[in-house]
Amino acid sequence: MARHRVALFKLFPLEAGQKIRIEDGPRRGDWEVLGVTERKMKLRCPVTFKEVEWDRFACLARELEDEEWPEEH
């Protein structure tokens, strides 16, 4: 059987109150998790307070301690 390099993705188990940073793509930026269901996640921007609800897509790339949040641009 042939061997291949395979990238694995798993949804991160987000919880209300978490601070997250999406590092790229059209949704990049800092967000606070307001709520999570099996299919959706509701987030709020800490700068504009805009609330959004999106299909869950977040995969953990890395987790940092003592990180400035929200990040100044």
PDB file of N, CA and C in Angstrom:
ATOM      1  N   MET A   1       0.846  -1.176   0.000  1.00  0.00           N
ATOM      2  CA  MET A   1       0.000   0.000   0.000  1.00  0.00           C
ATOM      3  C   MET A   1       0.894   1.243   0.000  1.00  0.00           C
ATOM      4  N   ALA A   2       0.599   2.225  -0.837  1.00  0.00           N
ATOM      5  CA  ALA A   2       1.394   3.446  -0.956  1.00  0.00           C
ATOM      6  C   ALA A   2       1.240   4.318   0.286  1.00  0.00           C
ATOM      7  N   ARG A   3       2.312   4.992   0.672  1.00  0.00           N
ATOM      8  CA  ARG A   3       2.311   5.907   1.810  1.00  0.00           C
ATOM      9  C   ARG A   3       2.269   7.332   1.273  1.00  0.00           C
ATOM     10  N   HIS A   4       1.504   8.197   1.926  1.00  0.00           N
ATOM     11  CA  HIS A   4       1.338   9.579   1.493  1.00  0.00           C
ATOM     12  C   HIS A   4       1.413  10.511   2.689  1.00  0.00           C
ATOM     13  N   ARG A   5       1.809  11.726   2.425  1.00  0.00           N
ATOM     14  CA  ARG A   5       1.752  12.770   3.447  1.00  0.00           C
ATOM     15  C   ARG A   5       0.307  13.273   3.475  1.00  0.00           C
ATOM     16  N   VAL A   6      -0.309  13.276   4.632  1.00  0.00           N
ATOM     17  CA  VAL A   6      -1.722  13.629   4.764  1.00  0.00           C
ATOM     18  C   VAL A   6      -1.871  14.690   5.849  1.00  0.00           C
ATOM     19  N   ALA A   7      -2.589  15.759   5.555  1.00  0.00           N
ATOM     20  CA  ALA A   7      -2.889  16.794   6.548  1.00  0.00           C
ATOM     21  C   ALA A   7      -4.207  16.429   7.230  1.00  0.00           C
ATOM     22  N   LEU A   8      -4.197  16.437   8.557  1.00  0.00           N
ATOM     23  CA  LEU A   8      -5.390  16.095   9.324  1.00  0.00           C
ATOM     24  C   LEU A   8      -5.954  17.353   9.978  1.00  0.00           C
ATOM     25  N   PHE A   9      -7.256  17.496   9.945  1.00  0.00           N
ATOM     26  CA  PHE A   9      -7.924  18.636  10.549  1.00  0.00           C
ATOM     27  C   PHE A   9      -8.992  18.131  11.501  1.00  0.00           C
ATOM     28  N   LYS A  10      -9.134  18.828  12.614  1.00  0.00           N
ATOM     29  CA  LYS A  10     -10.144  18.481  13.596  1.00  0.00           C
ATOM     30  C   LYS A  10     -10.697  19.787  14.152  1.00  0.00           C
ATOM     31  N   LEU A  11     -12.019  19.905  14.280  1.00  0.00           N
ATOM     32  CA  LEU A  11     -12.595  21.117  14.836  1.00  0.00           C
ATOM     33  C   LEU A  11     -12.110  21.317  16.259  1.00  0.00           C
ATOM     34  N   PHE A  12     -11.718  22.525  16.571  1.00  0.00           N
ATOM     35  CA  PHE A  12     -11.277  22.841  17.917  1.00  0.00           C
ATOM     36  C   PHE A  12     -12.502  22.966  18.818  1.00  0.00           C
ATOM     37  N   PRO A  13     -12.455  22.402  20.024  1.00  0.00           N
ATOM     38  CA  PRO A  13     -13.621  22.462  20.918  1.00  0.00           C
ATOM     39  C   PRO A  13     -13.743  23.836  21.588  1.00  0.00           C
ATOM     40  N   LEU A  14     -14.226  24.814  20.833  1.00  0.00           N
ATOM     41  CA  LEU A  14     -14.384  26.171  21.349  1.00  0.00           C
ATOM     42  C   LEU A  14     -15.383  26.201  22.497  1.00  0.00           C
ATOM     43  N   GLU A  15     -15.198  27.171  23.408  1.00  0.00           N
ATOM     44  CA  GLU A  15     -16.100  27.371  24.530  1.00  0.00           C
ATOM     45  C   GLU A  15     -16.410  28.853  24.659  1.00  0.00           C
ATOM     46  N   ALA A  16     -17.621  29.174  25.099  1.00  0.00           N
ATOM     47  CA  ALA A  16     -18.007  30.563  25.324  1.00  0.00           C
ATOM     48  C   ALA A  16     -17.000  31.226  26.250  1.00  0.00           C
ATOM     49  N   GLY A  17     -16.629  32.463  25.922  1.00  0.00           N
ATOM     50  CA  GLY A  17     -15.677  33.230  26.718  1.00  0.00           C
ATOM     51  C   GLY A  17     -14.249  33.159  26.223  1.00  0.00           C
ATOM     52  N   GLN A  18     -13.940  32.217  25.338  1.00  0.00           N
ATOM     53  CA  GLN A  18     -12.576  32.113  24.820  1.00  0.00           C
ATOM     54  C   GLN A  18     -12.228  33.307  23.950  1.00  0.00           C
ATOM     55  N   LYS A  19     -10.973  33.690  24.009  1.00  0.00           N
ATOM     56  CA  LYS A  19     -10.428  34.725  23.124  1.00  0.00           C
ATOM     57  C   LYS A  19      -9.677  33.995  22.030  1.00  0.00           C
ATOM     58  N   ILE A  20      -9.982  34.306  20.769  1.00  0.00           N
ATOM     59  CA  ILE A  20      -9.311  33.639  19.661  1.00  0.00           C
ATOM     60  C   ILE A  20      -8.796  34.670  18.667  1.00  0.00           C
ATOM     61  N   ARG A  21      -7.817  34.254  17.882  1.00  0.00           N
ATOM     62  CA  ARG A  21      -7.277  35.088  16.808  1.00  0.00           C
ATOM     63  C   ARG A  21      -7.225  34.239  15.549  1.00  0.00           C
ATOM     64  N   ILE A  22      -7.935  34.676  14.520  1.00  0.00           N
ATOM     65  CA  ILE A  22      -7.894  34.009  13.218  1.00  0.00           C
ATOM     66  C   ILE A  22      -6.791  34.708  12.440  1.00  0.00           C
ATOM     67  N   GLU A  23      -5.768  33.973  12.067  1.00  0.00           N
ATOM     68  CA  GLU A  23      -4.555  34.597  11.531  1.00  0.00           C
ATOM     69  C   GLU A  23      -4.587  34.910  10.044  1.00  0.00           C
ATOM     70  N   ASP A  24      -5.486  34.307   9.291  1.00  0.00           N
ATOM     71  CA  ASP A  24      -5.532  34.640   7.859  1.00  0.00           C
ATOM     72  C   ASP A  24      -6.939  34.419   7.321  1.00  0.00           C
ATOM     73  N   GLY A  25      -7.108  34.835   6.062  1.00  0.00           N
ATOM     74  CA  GLY A  25      -8.406  34.691   5.420  1.00  0.00           C
ATOM     75  C   GLY A  25      -9.297  35.898   5.673  1.00  0.00           C
ATOM     76  N   PRO A  26     -10.487  35.886   5.080  1.00  0.00           N
ATOM     77  CA  PRO A  26     -11.383  37.036   5.176  1.00  0.00           C
ATOM     78  C   PRO A  26     -11.946  37.262   6.584  1.00  0.00           C
ATOM     79  N   ARG A  27     -11.847  36.289   7.480  1.00  0.00           N
ATOM     80  CA  ARG A  27     -12.370  36.410   8.845  1.00  0.00           C
ATOM     81  C   ARG A  27     -11.272  36.686   9.860  1.00  0.00           C
ATOM     82  N   ARG A  28     -10.065  37.024   9.363  1.00  0.00           N
ATOM     83  CA  ARG A  28      -8.925  37.199  10.268  1.00  0.00           C
ATOM     84  C   ARG A  28      -9.189  38.325  11.261  1.00  0.00           C
ATOM     85  N   GLY A  29      -8.558  38.180  12.404  1.00  0.00           N
ATOM     86  CA  GLY A  29      -8.682  39.175  13.461  1.00  0.00           C
ATOM     87  C   GLY A  29      -8.955  38.512  14.798  1.00  0.00           C
ATOM     88  N   ASP A  30      -9.155  39.341  15.809  1.00  0.00           N
ATOM     89  CA  ASP A  30      -9.426  38.868  17.157  1.00  0.00           C
ATOM     90  C   ASP A  30     -10.936  38.779  17.374  1.00  0.00           C
ATOM     91  N   TRP A  31     -11.341  37.731  18.080  1.00  0.00           N
ATOM     92  CA  TRP A  31     -12.754  37.472  18.338  1.00  0.00           C
ATOM     93  C   TRP A  31     -12.930  36.888  19.728  1.00  0.00           C
ATOM     94  N   GLU A  32     -14.079  37.149  20.331  1.00  0.00           N
ATOM     95  CA  GLU A  32     -14.468  36.488  21.570  1.00  0.00           C
ATOM     96  C   GLU A  32     -15.583  35.508  21.223  1.00  0.00           C
ATOM     97  N   VAL A  33     -15.488  34.303  21.720  1.00  0.00           N
ATOM     98  CA  VAL A  33     -16.497  33.281  21.457  1.00  0.00           C
ATOM     99  C   VAL A  33     -17.689  33.531  22.379  1.00  0.00           C
ATOM    100  N   LEU A  34     -18.865  33.738  21.776  1.00  0.00           N
ATOM    101  CA  LEU A  34     -20.085  33.961  22.548  1.00  0.00           C
ATOM    102  C   LEU A  34     -20.845  32.665  22.772  1.00  0.00           C
ATOM    103  N   GLY A  35     -20.794  31.771  21.801  1.00  0.00           N
ATOM    104  CA  GLY A  35     -21.503  30.512  21.921  1.00  0.00           C
ATOM    105  C   GLY A  35     -21.129  29.565  20.801  1.00  0.00           C
ATOM    106  N   VAL A  36     -21.322  28.279  21.048  1.00  0.00           N
ATOM    107  CA  VAL A  36     -20.963  27.250  20.076  1.00  0.00           C
ATOM    108  C   VAL A  36     -22.011  26.142  20.108  1.00  0.00           C
ATOM    109  N   THR A  37     -22.446  25.732  18.916  1.00  0.00           N
ATOM    110  CA  THR A  37     -23.279  24.549  18.797  1.00  0.00           C
ATOM    111  C   THR A  37     -22.500  23.539  17.960  1.00  0.00           C
ATOM    112  N   GLU A  38     -23.106  22.425  17.693  1.00  0.00           N
ATOM    113  CA  GLU A  38     -22.433  21.409  16.879  1.00  0.00           C
ATOM    114  C   GLU A  38     -22.112  21.934  15.482  1.00  0.00           C
ATOM    115  N   ARG A  39     -22.917  22.870  14.977  1.00  0.00           N
ATOM    116  CA  ARG A  39     -22.743  23.332  13.607  1.00  0.00           C
ATOM    117  C   ARG A  39     -22.350  24.810  13.474  1.00  0.00           C
ATOM    118  N   LYS A  40     -22.616  25.626  14.471  1.00  0.00           N
ATOM    119  CA  LYS A  40     -22.394  27.076  14.368  1.00  0.00           C
ATOM    120  C   LYS A  40     -21.532  27.583  15.512  1.00  0.00           C
ATOM    121  N   MET A  41     -20.918  28.748  15.275  1.00  0.00           N
ATOM    122  CA  MET A  41     -20.208  29.465  16.331  1.00  0.00           C
ATOM    123  C   MET A  41     -20.568  30.938  16.223  1.00  0.00           C
ATOM    124  N   LYS A  42     -20.817  31.554  17.373  1.00  0.00           N
ATOM    125  CA  LYS A  42     -21.171  32.966  17.419  1.00  0.00           C
ATOM    126  C   LYS A  42     -19.999  33.708  18.053  1.00  0.00           C
ATOM    127  N   LEU A  43     -19.509  34.740  17.359  1.00  0.00           N
ATOM    128  CA  LEU A  43     -18.321  35.482  17.772  1.00  0.00           C
ATOM    129  C   LEU A  43     -18.616  36.972  17.854  1.00  0.00           C
ATOM    130  N   ARG A  44     -17.812  37.688  18.664  1.00  0.00           N
ATOM    131  CA  ARG A  44     -17.929  39.151  18.756  1.00  0.00           C
ATOM    132  C   ARG A  44     -16.546  39.759  18.624  1.00  0.00           C
ATOM    133  N   CYS A  45     -16.443  40.793  17.804  1.00  0.00           N
ATOM    134  CA  CYS A  45     -15.200  41.556  17.665  1.00  0.00           C
ATOM    135  C   CYS A  45     -15.020  42.410  18.922  1.00  0.00           C
ATOM    136  N   PRO A  46     -13.836  42.357  19.579  1.00  0.00           N
ATOM    137  CA  PRO A  46     -13.615  43.137  20.799  1.00  0.00           C
ATOM    138  C   PRO A  46     -13.393  44.629  20.545  1.00  0.00           C
ATOM    139  N   VAL A  47     -13.229  45.010  19.298  1.00  0.00           N
ATOM    140  CA  VAL A  47     -12.988  46.417  18.959  1.00  0.00           C
ATOM    141  C   VAL A  47     -14.285  47.093  18.528  1.00  0.00           C
ATOM    142  N   THR A  48     -15.000  46.489  17.575  1.00  0.00           N
ATOM    143  CA  THR A  48     -16.235  47.081  17.044  1.00  0.00           C
ATOM    144  C   THR A  48     -17.489  46.537  17.719  1.00  0.00           C
ATOM    145  N   PHE A  49     -17.348  45.434  18.451  1.00  0.00           N
ATOM    146  CA  PHE A  49     -18.454  44.726  19.106  1.00  0.00           C
ATOM    147  C   PHE A  49     -19.447  44.123  18.122  1.00  0.00           C
ATOM    148  N   LYS A  50     -19.043  44.038  16.867  1.00  0.00           N
ATOM    149  CA  LYS A  50     -19.875  43.392  15.858  1.00  0.00           C
ATOM    150  C   LYS A  50     -19.979  41.902  16.194  1.00  0.00           C
ATOM    151  N   GLU A  51     -21.212  41.366  16.133  1.00  0.00           N
ATOM    152  CA  GLU A  51     -21.432  39.947  16.395  1.00  0.00           C
ATOM    153  C   GLU A  51     -21.741  39.237  15.085  1.00  0.00           C
ATOM    154  N   VAL A  52     -21.169  38.051  14.920  1.00  0.00           N
ATOM    155  CA  VAL A  52     -21.378  37.253  13.713  1.00  0.00           C
ATOM    156  C   VAL A  52     -21.655  35.816  14.113  1.00  0.00           C
ATOM    157  N   GLU A  53     -22.358  35.105  13.255  1.00  0.00           N
ATOM    158  CA  GLU A  53     -22.571  33.677  13.453  1.00  0.00           C
ATOM    159  C   GLU A  53     -22.171  32.978  12.169  1.00  0.00           C
ATOM    160  N   TRP A  54     -21.228  32.057  12.282  1.00  0.00           N
ATOM    161  CA  TRP A  54     -20.698  31.346  11.128  1.00  0.00           C
ATOM    162  C   TRP A  54     -20.763  29.848  11.363  1.00  0.00           C
ATOM    163  N   ASP A  55     -20.702  29.090  10.269  1.00  0.00           N
ATOM    164  CA  ASP A  55     -20.513  27.655  10.400  1.00  0.00           C
ATOM    165  C   ASP A  55     -19.179  27.428  11.092  1.00  0.00           C
ATOM    166  N   ARG A  56     -19.096  26.405  11.925  1.00  0.00           N
ATOM    167  CA  ARG A  56     -17.836  26.114  12.613  1.00  0.00           C
ATOM    168  C   ARG A  56     -16.758  25.745  11.600  1.00  0.00           C
ATOM    169  N   PHE A  57     -15.585  26.347  11.780  1.00  0.00           N
ATOM    170  CA  PHE A  57     -14.474  26.083  10.870  1.00  0.00           C
ATOM    171  C   PHE A  57     -13.136  26.084  11.594  1.00  0.00           C
ATOM    172  N   ALA A  58     -13.104  26.481  12.850  1.00  0.00           N
ATOM    173  CA  ALA A  58     -11.842  26.728  13.546  1.00  0.00           C
ATOM    174  C   ALA A  58     -11.062  25.449  13.843  1.00  0.00           C
ATOM    175  N   CYS A  59      -9.831  25.428  13.376  1.00  0.00           N
ATOM    176  CA  CYS A  59      -8.885  24.353  13.672  1.00  0.00           C
ATOM    177  C   CYS A  59      -7.711  24.992  14.397  1.00  0.00           C
ATOM    178  N   LEU A  60      -7.231  24.363  15.451  1.00  0.00           N
ATOM    179  CA  LEU A  60      -6.159  24.941  16.249  1.00  0.00           C
ATOM    180  C   LEU A  60      -4.819  24.821  15.533  1.00  0.00           C
ATOM    181  N   ALA A  61      -4.136  25.951  15.365  1.00  0.00           N
ATOM    182  CA  ALA A  61      -2.795  25.947  14.800  1.00  0.00           C
ATOM    183  C   ALA A  61      -1.759  25.964  15.927  1.00  0.00           C
ATOM    184  N   ARG A  62      -2.008  26.765  16.957  1.00  0.00           N
ATOM    185  CA  ARG A  62      -1.142  26.833  18.133  1.00  0.00           C
ATOM    186  C   ARG A  62      -1.881  27.631  19.194  1.00  0.00           C
ATOM    187  N   GLU A  63      -1.455  27.510  20.420  1.00  0.00           N
ATOM    188  CA  GLU A  63      -2.066  28.227  21.529  1.00  0.00           C
ATOM    189  C   GLU A  63      -0.966  28.963  22.281  1.00  0.00           C
ATOM    190  N   LEU A  64      -1.174  30.250  22.574  1.00  0.00           N
ATOM    191  CA  LEU A  64      -0.155  31.080  23.211  1.00  0.00           C
ATOM    192  C   LEU A  64      -0.634  31.543  24.578  1.00  0.00           C
ATOM    193  N   GLU A  65       0.267  31.612  25.540  1.00  0.00           N
ATOM    194  CA  GLU A  65      -0.013  32.143  26.873  1.00  0.00           C
ATOM    195  C   GLU A  65       0.426  33.597  26.936  1.00  0.00           C
ATOM    196  N   ASP A  66      -0.274  34.398  27.732  1.00  0.00           N
ATOM    197  CA  ASP A  66       0.113  35.776  28.000  1.00  0.00           C
ATOM    198  C   ASP A  66       0.247  36.591  26.717  1.00  0.00           C
ATOM    199  N   GLU A  67      -0.659  36.381  25.785  1.00  0.00           N
ATOM    200  CA  GLU A  67      -0.630  37.078  24.490  1.00  0.00           C
ATOM    201  C   GLU A  67      -1.487  38.343  24.587  1.00  0.00           C
ATOM    202  N   GLU A  68      -1.015  39.453  24.023  1.00  0.00           N
ATOM    203  CA  GLU A  68      -1.803  40.688  23.986  1.00  0.00           C
ATOM    204  C   GLU A  68      -3.052  40.435  23.153  1.00  0.00           C
ATOM    205  N   TRP A  69      -4.198  40.819  23.718  1.00  0.00           N
ATOM    206  CA  TRP A  69      -5.479  40.601  23.013  1.00  0.00           C
ATOM    207  C   TRP A  69      -6.433  41.684  23.429  1.00  0.00           C
ATOM    208  N   PRO A  70      -7.139  42.391  22.545  1.00  0.00           N
ATOM    209  CA  PRO A  70      -6.975  42.260  21.095  1.00  0.00           C
ATOM    210  C   PRO A  70      -5.654  42.857  20.635  1.00  0.00           C
ATOM    211  N   GLU A  71      -5.208  42.351  19.526  1.00  0.00           N
ATOM    212  CA  GLU A  71      -3.947  42.776  18.940  1.00  0.00           C
ATOM    213  C   GLU A  71      -4.109  44.157  18.323  1.00  0.00           C
ATOM    214  N   GLU A  72      -3.157  45.032  18.568  1.00  0.00           N
ATOM    215  CA  GLU A  72      -3.177  46.356  17.938  1.00  0.00           C
ATOM    216  C   GLU A  72      -2.650  46.251  16.519  1.00  0.00           C
ATOM    217  N   HIS A  73      -3.311  46.915  15.587  1.00  0.00           N
ATOM    218  CA  HIS A  73      -2.893  46.836  14.174  1.00  0.00           C
ATOM    219  C   HIS A  73      -2.211  48.105  13.746  1.00  0.00           C
TER     220      HIS A  73
END
